[in-house]
Amino acid sequence: MADDTASMSIYRASRTIKKKHSSLFNSLLSIHEDSIFVSEIAQLWPQLPLVANLRCGLWYANKFHSNCYFKSTDGHTNNLSFNTSRLNLHVATLAGQRGGCMIVDSTRKGKRFPDSMSKTIPIWTCVLNRAISNYRNKMNGINKPTEGVNCSTPNPDTTVQESPKWDTSLHLPLWVPDTEKTRIESNLNKWVNTFETSGVDIASISSLLKKPLRPLWISQKTVIWLNEVPDHNSWDFTPIILISASASNDIYRQKKSSEFSWNYIAGAGDDEESWSRGLTPPLFWNNVYDLINSGPDVCNQMVANIVERDRVFRAQRGQNAPQFSVKLTKVESTWSAQFRDQPLDVIMENGIHGDLLDDGNGIYWLGLTDLAVCSTGYGKCSVYISIH
């Protein structure tokens, strides 16, 4: 019994420390620090558009040209896949129009790059390159002179000019093991066929891409000689530069500013439901200097005020505003007035649980009605209690 009590105490202590380190203030300062690195890399190739990989990547810059959705789960070791519901063809189009692009993401898992960058995007670039190569070979084959027919002047409207060095090989980072590379390569032809039969307009993508797509990886450990940064037009491929925003070493690191000490969190923008208290990337960047200079004791209330002002602003204009529903933490088969004193758990409209109630306040019932008033991380609001 004593051992169980000790282990539970250690567990609670570790949870308390983790919660303290993962505070809202620590998360926002970590994001801001990582955003400086992202900005520095973006300035090396200012002609290339910056793209956020949803949802984590959206926190790490004030302005993005576009966003994309490459899931890490599509690159997990036992779940390798090419998903036609997330083709992200607008990224290929954008890269073709601008000569490349930069994609921003991050991860909490202590790795230099999330699996979305290590495997999902490399698979995507390879599949597109092979599909384009197949399309061009097919078109050029159709227009080859047939025996006995003089076709010395090809039709420029139908002949497709292919780069003599169109790269269709799989490019993975060095840390992906050979066994996994072999497993990916064994599935590539199947994925290419899936892509080609999905109804995608490969001709349009082919017409925009003058060079094959190829991923490049940049993290905070990457060494770049500023006097030797190559022009992206000098490469024989269309670069998809993958920027992992966060440092990959210790998840928590003690840091100090001129006024406060705080803990750095790698991949702080990930899993925003667990820490953001309703703050969104646009709201963060609109109030960034006030927030990072607020201090740990004031930050939570400042975020609550910002979110509430935004909610009121949207509500007054008939726009969507955050809505709450509540339920009993203990499900009772029979509802009666005696359960009105039990604590209630706040749930977002989309069903995501959040620690949104103010620490010192609960939910107050309005008589015997099914209406209650509470104070949350989003500010004061009225809630409707529906008992099923």
Protein backbone atom coordinates (compact mmCIF):
# COMPACT_ATOMS: atom_id res chain seq x y z
CA MET A 1 0.00 0.00 0.00
CA ALA A 2 2.85 2.36 0.87
CA ASP A 3 4.54 1.62 -2.46
CA ASP A 4 1.29 2.33 -4.32
CA THR A 5 0.89 5.63 -2.47
CA ALA A 6 4.47 6.60 -3.26
CA SER A 7 4.09 5.73 -6.94
CA MET A 8 0.85 7.70 -7.15
CA SER A 9 2.55 10.67 -5.48
CA ILE A 10 5.42 10.49 -7.98
CA TYR A 11 2.90 10.26 -10.81
CA ARG A 12 0.98 13.30 -9.58
CA ALA A 13 4.21 15.22 -9.07
CA SER A 14 5.42 14.43 -12.59
CA ARG A 15 2.05 15.44 -14.01
CA THR A 16 2.19 18.72 -12.08
CA ILE A 17 5.70 19.46 -13.34
CA LYS A 18 4.73 18.60 -16.92
CA LYS A 19 1.63 20.80 -16.72
CA LYS A 20 3.70 23.68 -15.36
CA HIS A 21 6.31 23.31 -18.10
CA SER A 22 3.61 23.07 -20.77
CA SER A 23 1.90 26.25 -19.64
CA LEU A 24 0.35 28.67 -22.10
CA PHE A 25 3.08 31.25 -21.51
CA ASN A 26 5.87 28.72 -22.15
CA SER A 27 4.15 27.53 -25.32
CA LEU A 28 3.74 31.02 -26.75
CA LEU A 29 7.33 32.07 -26.03
CA SER A 30 8.61 28.82 -27.54
CA ILE A 31 6.57 29.40 -30.69
CA HIS A 32 7.81 32.97 -30.96
CA GLU A 33 11.45 31.90 -30.58
CA ASP A 34 11.07 29.20 -33.24
CA SER A 35 9.32 31.66 -35.55
CA ILE A 36 12.51 33.75 -35.63
CA PHE A 37 14.36 30.76 -37.08
CA VAL A 38 11.61 30.20 -39.66
CA SER A 39 11.79 33.86 -40.67
CA GLU A 40 15.57 33.69 -41.10
CA ILE A 41 15.30 30.66 -43.40
CA ALA A 42 12.46 32.24 -45.39
CA GLN A 43 14.66 35.29 -46.04
CA LEU A 44 17.31 33.10 -47.68
CA TRP A 45 14.93 32.40 -50.58
CA PRO A 46 12.46 35.31 -50.52
CA GLN A 47 11.08 34.40 -53.95
CA LEU A 48 9.77 31.07 -52.68
CA PRO A 49 6.31 31.06 -51.05
CA LEU A 50 5.99 29.97 -47.42
CA VAL A 51 3.39 27.24 -46.81
CA ALA A 52 2.10 26.04 -43.42
CA ASN A 53 1.48 22.34 -42.86
CA LEU A 54 -1.74 22.26 -40.87
CA ARG A 55 -2.31 22.63 -38.11
CA CYS A 56 0.93 22.92 -36.16
CA GLY A 57 2.88 24.78 -38.82
CA LEU A 58 0.37 27.62 -38.90
CA TRP A 59 1.67 28.97 -35.58
CA TYR A 60 5.24 29.61 -36.73
CA ALA A 61 4.92 32.66 -38.98
CA ASN A 62 2.84 35.80 -39.10
CA LYS A 63 2.01 35.38 -42.76
CA PHE A 64 1.83 32.38 -45.08
CA HIS A 65 1.21 32.28 -48.79
CA SER A 66 -0.89 29.13 -48.42
CA ASN A 67 -1.30 26.01 -46.31
CA CYS A 68 -1.25 22.26 -46.90
CA TYR A 69 -2.14 19.06 -45.09
CA PHE A 70 0.48 16.31 -45.10
CA LYS A 71 -0.27 13.93 -42.23
CA SER A 72 2.51 12.32 -40.23
CA THR A 73 0.42 9.17 -39.88
CA ASP A 74 0.75 8.56 -43.63
CA GLY A 75 4.49 8.23 -43.01
CA HIS A 76 4.41 6.09 -39.89
CA THR A 77 6.43 2.90 -40.15
CA ASN A 78 3.48 0.51 -40.00
CA ASN A 79 1.05 2.79 -41.79
CA LEU A 80 2.85 3.92 -44.96
CA SER A 81 0.32 5.19 -47.47
CA PHE A 82 -0.45 7.62 -50.27
CA ASN A 83 -3.84 9.14 -49.55
CA THR A 84 -5.80 10.51 -52.51
CA SER A 85 -7.99 12.54 -50.16
CA ARG A 86 -4.93 14.67 -49.31
CA LEU A 87 -3.27 15.16 -52.68
CA ASN A 88 -2.19 18.76 -51.96
CA LEU A 89 -2.00 19.45 -55.69
CA HIS A 90 -2.11 23.19 -55.04
CA VAL A 91 1.38 22.83 -53.52
CA ALA A 92 2.71 21.27 -56.74
CA THR A 93 0.98 24.01 -58.74
CA LEU A 94 2.44 26.72 -56.52
CA ALA A 95 5.92 25.18 -56.71
CA GLY A 96 5.68 25.00 -60.49
CA GLN A 97 4.59 28.63 -60.76
CA ARG A 98 7.19 30.02 -58.33
CA GLY A 99 10.08 27.61 -58.88
CA GLY A 100 9.64 25.86 -55.52
CA CYS A 101 8.18 26.45 -52.07
CA MET A 102 8.96 26.14 -48.35
CA ILE A 103 6.77 24.09 -46.00
CA VAL A 104 6.80 24.71 -42.23
CA ASP A 105 5.94 22.13 -39.58
CA SER A 106 7.15 20.96 -36.17
CA THR A 107 6.90 18.04 -33.77
CA ARG A 108 6.85 17.49 -30.01
CA LYS A 109 8.40 14.03 -30.14
CA GLY A 110 12.06 14.96 -29.77
CA LYS A 111 12.84 14.27 -33.43
CA ARG A 112 14.45 16.72 -35.83
CA PHE A 113 11.58 16.34 -38.30
CA PRO A 114 8.01 15.06 -38.07
CA ASP A 115 7.16 11.99 -40.13
CA SER A 116 5.17 14.25 -42.46
CA MET A 117 8.51 15.68 -43.60
CA SER A 118 10.68 12.57 -43.27
CA LYS A 119 8.43 10.28 -45.31
CA THR A 120 4.96 11.58 -46.25
CA ILE A 121 6.19 14.48 -48.42
CA PRO A 122 9.09 12.53 -50.01
CA ILE A 123 6.59 9.83 -51.01
CA TRP A 124 4.29 12.52 -52.42
CA THR A 125 7.04 14.16 -54.52
CA CYS A 126 8.18 10.79 -55.89
CA VAL A 127 4.66 9.69 -56.84
CA LEU A 128 3.99 12.99 -58.64
CA ASN A 129 7.33 12.86 -60.46
CA ARG A 130 6.70 9.32 -61.69
CA ALA A 131 3.14 10.10 -62.76
CA ILE A 132 4.34 13.14 -64.72
CA SER A 133 7.12 11.09 -66.32
CA ASN A 134 4.62 8.40 -67.34
CA TYR A 135 2.31 11.03 -68.79
CA ARG A 136 5.09 12.69 -70.79
CA ASN A 137 6.42 9.38 -72.08
CA LYS A 138 2.91 8.42 -73.14
CA MET A 139 2.33 11.71 -74.94
CA ASN A 140 5.70 11.62 -76.68
CA GLY A 141 5.10 8.01 -77.65
CA ILE A 142 1.80 8.91 -79.29
CA ASN A 143 3.53 11.55 -81.39
CA LYS A 144 6.53 9.48 -82.46
CA PRO A 145 6.68 9.04 -86.27
CA THR A 146 5.04 5.81 -87.35
CA GLU A 147 6.71 3.59 -89.95
CA GLY A 148 6.14 4.77 -93.53
CA VAL A 149 4.75 8.16 -92.50
CA ASN A 150 6.71 11.37 -92.87
CA CYS A 151 6.34 13.20 -89.57
CA SER A 152 9.53 15.19 -89.58
CA THR A 153 7.63 18.20 -88.21
CA PRO A 154 5.90 17.25 -84.94
CA ASN A 155 2.74 18.97 -83.85
CA PRO A 156 3.76 21.48 -81.14
CA ASP A 157 0.26 21.40 -79.65
CA THR A 158 0.48 17.74 -78.68
CA THR A 159 4.18 16.94 -78.25
CA VAL A 160 5.38 17.19 -74.65
CA GLN A 161 8.97 18.23 -74.10
CA GLU A 162 10.48 16.24 -71.22
CA SER A 163 13.61 17.18 -69.35
CA PRO A 164 16.37 14.73 -70.33
CA LYS A 165 17.11 14.23 -66.62
CA TRP A 166 13.64 13.98 -65.14
CA ASP A 167 14.32 12.42 -61.76
CA THR A 168 11.85 9.73 -60.67
CA SER A 169 13.90 8.27 -57.81
CA LEU A 170 12.84 8.29 -54.17
CA HIS A 171 14.66 10.89 -52.06
CA LEU A 172 14.54 10.24 -48.32
CA PRO A 173 16.59 11.82 -45.51
CA LEU A 174 19.60 9.89 -44.26
CA TRP A 175 17.99 8.96 -40.94
CA VAL A 176 15.30 6.82 -42.59
CA PRO A 177 16.65 3.23 -42.43
CA ASP A 178 17.24 1.20 -45.59
CA THR A 179 14.63 -1.38 -44.57
CA GLU A 180 11.97 1.31 -44.52
CA LYS A 181 13.19 2.77 -47.79
CA THR A 182 12.86 -0.66 -49.38
CA ARG A 183 9.34 -1.00 -48.02
CA ILE A 184 8.37 2.38 -49.46
CA GLU A 185 9.90 1.64 -52.87
CA SER A 186 7.99 -1.64 -53.08
CA ASN A 187 4.72 0.31 -52.87
CA LEU A 188 5.54 3.21 -55.19
CA ASN A 189 4.22 1.69 -58.42
CA LYS A 190 0.94 0.87 -56.69
CA TRP A 191 0.65 4.42 -55.35
CA VAL A 192 1.48 5.91 -58.76
CA ASN A 193 -1.28 3.81 -60.33
CA THR A 194 -3.70 4.97 -57.62
CA PHE A 195 -2.79 8.57 -58.35
CA GLU A 196 -3.10 8.16 -62.12
CA THR A 197 -6.53 6.53 -61.87
CA SER A 198 -7.91 9.08 -59.38
CA GLY A 199 -8.99 11.48 -62.12
CA VAL A 200 -6.29 14.06 -61.44
CA ASP A 201 -5.44 16.45 -64.27
CA ILE A 202 -1.81 15.38 -64.62
CA ALA A 203 -1.47 17.38 -67.84
CA SER A 204 -1.94 20.68 -65.99
CA ILE A 205 0.64 19.79 -63.33
CA SER A 206 3.05 18.60 -66.02
CA SER A 207 2.73 21.85 -67.94
CA LEU A 208 3.66 23.88 -64.84
CA LEU A 209 6.58 21.81 -63.58
CA LYS A 210 9.70 22.41 -65.64
CA LYS A 211 11.87 20.41 -63.23
CA PRO A 212 11.06 17.40 -61.02
CA LEU A 213 10.05 17.95 -57.41
CA ARG A 214 12.60 17.18 -54.72
CA PRO A 215 12.51 17.67 -50.94
CA LEU A 216 15.27 19.38 -48.97
CA TRP A 217 15.39 19.36 -45.16
CA ILE A 218 16.34 22.28 -42.91
CA SER A 219 16.24 22.28 -39.11
CA GLN A 220 17.83 24.35 -36.37
CA LYS A 221 20.83 22.01 -36.55
CA THR A 222 21.38 22.60 -40.25
CA VAL A 223 24.57 24.51 -41.06
CA ILE A 224 24.12 27.07 -43.85
CA TRP A 225 26.95 29.29 -45.08
CA LEU A 226 25.25 32.61 -45.74
CA ASN A 227 27.78 33.59 -48.40
CA GLU A 228 27.14 30.36 -50.29
CA VAL A 229 23.34 30.16 -50.38
CA PRO A 230 22.50 28.84 -53.86
CA ASP A 231 19.92 30.43 -56.10
CA HIS A 232 16.96 28.07 -56.26
CA ASN A 233 16.89 28.51 -60.04
CA SER A 234 20.37 26.98 -60.27
CA TRP A 235 19.16 23.58 -59.07
CA ASP A 236 18.14 20.93 -61.59
CA PHE A 237 14.98 20.25 -59.59
CA THR A 238 12.03 22.14 -58.12
CA PRO A 239 12.86 22.44 -54.40
CA ILE A 240 10.31 21.63 -51.71
CA ILE A 241 12.21 23.02 -48.72
CA LEU A 242 10.98 21.40 -45.50
CA ILE A 243 11.55 23.61 -42.46
CA SER A 244 11.24 21.93 -39.07
CA ALA A 245 10.70 24.92 -36.82
CA SER A 246 11.69 23.59 -33.40
CA ALA A 247 14.92 22.47 -31.78
CA SER A 248 15.07 18.69 -31.51
CA ASN A 249 17.09 18.17 -28.33
CA ASP A 250 15.62 18.29 -24.83
CA ILE A 251 11.88 18.78 -24.91
CA TYR A 252 12.06 21.19 -21.95
CA ARG A 253 14.89 23.71 -21.53
CA GLN A 254 15.12 26.48 -18.99
CA LYS A 255 15.43 29.93 -20.58
CA LYS A 256 15.55 33.47 -19.32
CA SER A 257 14.44 36.78 -20.75
CA SER A 258 15.11 40.20 -19.31
CA GLU A 259 12.17 39.83 -16.92
CA PHE A 260 11.03 36.19 -16.77
CA SER A 261 12.38 32.68 -16.74
CA TRP A 262 10.52 30.17 -18.86
CA ASN A 263 10.76 26.65 -20.26
CA TYR A 264 11.31 26.05 -23.95
CA ILE A 265 8.96 23.46 -25.48
CA ALA A 266 9.90 21.81 -28.76
CA GLY A 267 6.92 21.60 -31.11
CA ALA A 268 4.85 23.83 -28.85
CA GLY A 269 2.36 24.54 -31.65
CA ASP A 270 1.32 20.89 -31.82
CA ASP A 271 -1.89 19.63 -30.18
CA GLU A 272 -3.21 23.16 -29.70
CA GLU A 273 -6.43 22.01 -28.03
CA SER A 274 -4.45 20.99 -24.95
CA TRP A 275 -2.88 24.38 -24.27
CA SER A 276 -4.15 27.28 -26.44
CA ARG A 277 -7.34 28.07 -24.46
CA GLY A 278 -9.08 29.14 -27.63
CA LEU A 279 -6.23 31.29 -28.94
CA THR A 280 -5.68 30.91 -32.68
CA PRO A 281 -2.57 31.70 -34.76
CA PRO A 282 -4.10 34.92 -36.19
CA LEU A 283 -5.07 36.12 -32.70
CA PHE A 284 -1.62 35.25 -31.41
CA TRP A 285 0.20 37.19 -34.12
CA ASN A 286 -2.15 40.17 -33.83
CA ASN A 287 -1.22 40.43 -30.14
CA VAL A 288 2.19 38.76 -30.11
CA TYR A 289 4.25 41.42 -28.33
CA ASP A 290 1.67 42.00 -25.61
CA LEU A 291 1.47 38.25 -24.98
CA ILE A 292 5.17 37.42 -24.87
CA ASN A 293 5.84 40.41 -22.60
CA SER A 294 2.90 39.72 -20.30
CA GLY A 295 4.61 37.24 -18.00
CA PRO A 296 3.40 33.84 -16.78
CA ASP A 297 1.08 35.27 -14.13
CA VAL A 298 -0.87 37.50 -16.52
CA CYS A 299 -0.73 35.53 -19.77
CA ASN A 300 -3.74 33.26 -19.18
CA GLN A 301 -6.07 36.14 -18.35
CA MET A 302 -4.78 38.18 -21.28
CA VAL A 303 -5.48 35.29 -23.65
CA ALA A 304 -8.97 34.90 -22.17
CA ASN A 305 -9.64 38.60 -22.77
CA ILE A 306 -8.34 38.43 -26.35
CA VAL A 307 -10.44 35.38 -27.17
CA GLU A 308 -13.54 36.89 -25.58
CA ARG A 309 -13.16 40.16 -27.50
CA ASP A 310 -12.81 38.19 -30.71
CA ARG A 311 -15.89 36.10 -29.85
CA VAL A 312 -17.97 39.23 -29.19
CA PHE A 313 -16.65 40.88 -32.36
CA ARG A 314 -17.67 37.86 -34.42
CA ALA A 315 -21.02 37.44 -32.71
CA GLN A 316 -21.97 41.07 -33.32
CA ARG A 317 -21.33 40.57 -37.02
CA GLY A 318 -23.15 37.27 -37.25
CA GLN A 319 -19.95 35.29 -37.69
CA ASN A 320 -19.13 31.99 -36.07
CA ALA A 321 -18.17 32.24 -32.41
CA PRO A 322 -17.00 29.48 -30.03
CA GLN A 323 -19.93 27.68 -28.41
CA PHE A 324 -19.91 25.46 -25.34
CA SER A 325 -21.93 22.56 -24.12
CA VAL A 326 -21.53 20.98 -20.70
CA LYS A 327 -22.20 17.60 -19.20
CA LEU A 328 -21.93 15.91 -15.84
CA THR A 329 -18.57 14.31 -15.19
CA LYS A 330 -20.45 11.34 -13.73
CA VAL A 331 -23.21 9.95 -15.90
CA GLU A 332 -26.42 9.42 -13.98
CA SER A 333 -29.28 7.36 -15.31
CA THR A 334 -31.85 9.49 -13.52
CA TRP A 335 -31.69 13.27 -13.45
CA SER A 336 -32.77 15.04 -10.31
CA ALA A 337 -32.10 18.30 -8.53
CA GLN A 338 -29.60 16.63 -6.18
CA PHE A 339 -27.07 16.33 -9.01
CA ARG A 340 -27.05 20.07 -9.62
CA ASP A 341 -24.27 20.45 -7.07
CA GLN A 342 -21.93 18.11 -8.94
CA PRO A 343 -19.01 19.56 -10.91
CA LEU A 344 -19.49 19.91 -14.64
CA ASP A 345 -16.99 19.28 -17.39
CA VAL A 346 -16.85 21.85 -20.21
CA ILE A 347 -16.68 20.44 -23.73
CA MET A 348 -16.09 22.36 -26.92
CA GLU A 349 -18.75 22.23 -29.61
CA ASN A 350 -16.62 19.80 -31.66
CA GLY A 351 -16.42 17.39 -28.73
CA ILE A 352 -12.87 18.15 -27.62
CA HIS A 353 -12.40 18.25 -23.86
CA GLY A 354 -10.58 21.27 -22.50
CA ASP A 355 -9.46 22.53 -19.12
CA LEU A 356 -11.40 25.72 -19.72
CA LEU A 357 -13.08 26.50 -16.41
CA ASP A 358 -11.43 29.18 -14.31
CA ASP A 359 -9.69 27.60 -11.35
CA GLY A 360 -11.59 29.60 -8.75
CA ASN A 361 -15.06 29.51 -10.28
CA GLY A 362 -17.57 26.86 -11.16
CA ILE A 363 -20.92 26.69 -12.94
CA TYR A 364 -23.89 28.41 -11.33
CA TRP A 365 -27.40 27.14 -12.01
CA LEU A 366 -30.24 29.56 -12.66
CA GLY A 367 -32.92 28.20 -10.35
CA LEU A 368 -34.55 25.00 -11.57
CA THR A 369 -34.07 25.85 -15.22
CA ASP A 370 -31.65 24.02 -17.46
CA LEU A 371 -29.60 27.19 -17.81
CA ALA A 372 -26.32 27.92 -16.07
CA VAL A 373 -23.63 30.59 -16.09
CA CYS A 374 -19.91 29.92 -15.81
CA SER A 375 -16.57 31.63 -16.27
CA THR A 376 -14.25 29.91 -18.75
CA GLY A 377 -10.95 30.47 -20.48
CA TYR A 378 -12.99 32.22 -23.15
CA GLY A 379 -14.49 34.69 -20.69
CA LYS A 380 -17.96 34.69 -19.13
CA CYS A 381 -20.64 32.94 -21.11
CA SER A 382 -24.03 31.33 -20.64
CA VAL A 383 -24.43 27.64 -21.31
CA TYR A 384 -27.42 25.42 -21.92
CA ILE A 385 -27.51 22.14 -20.04
CA SER A 386 -29.09 19.27 -21.90
CA ILE A 387 -29.57 16.07 -19.93
CA HIS A 388 -30.05 12.81 -21.85
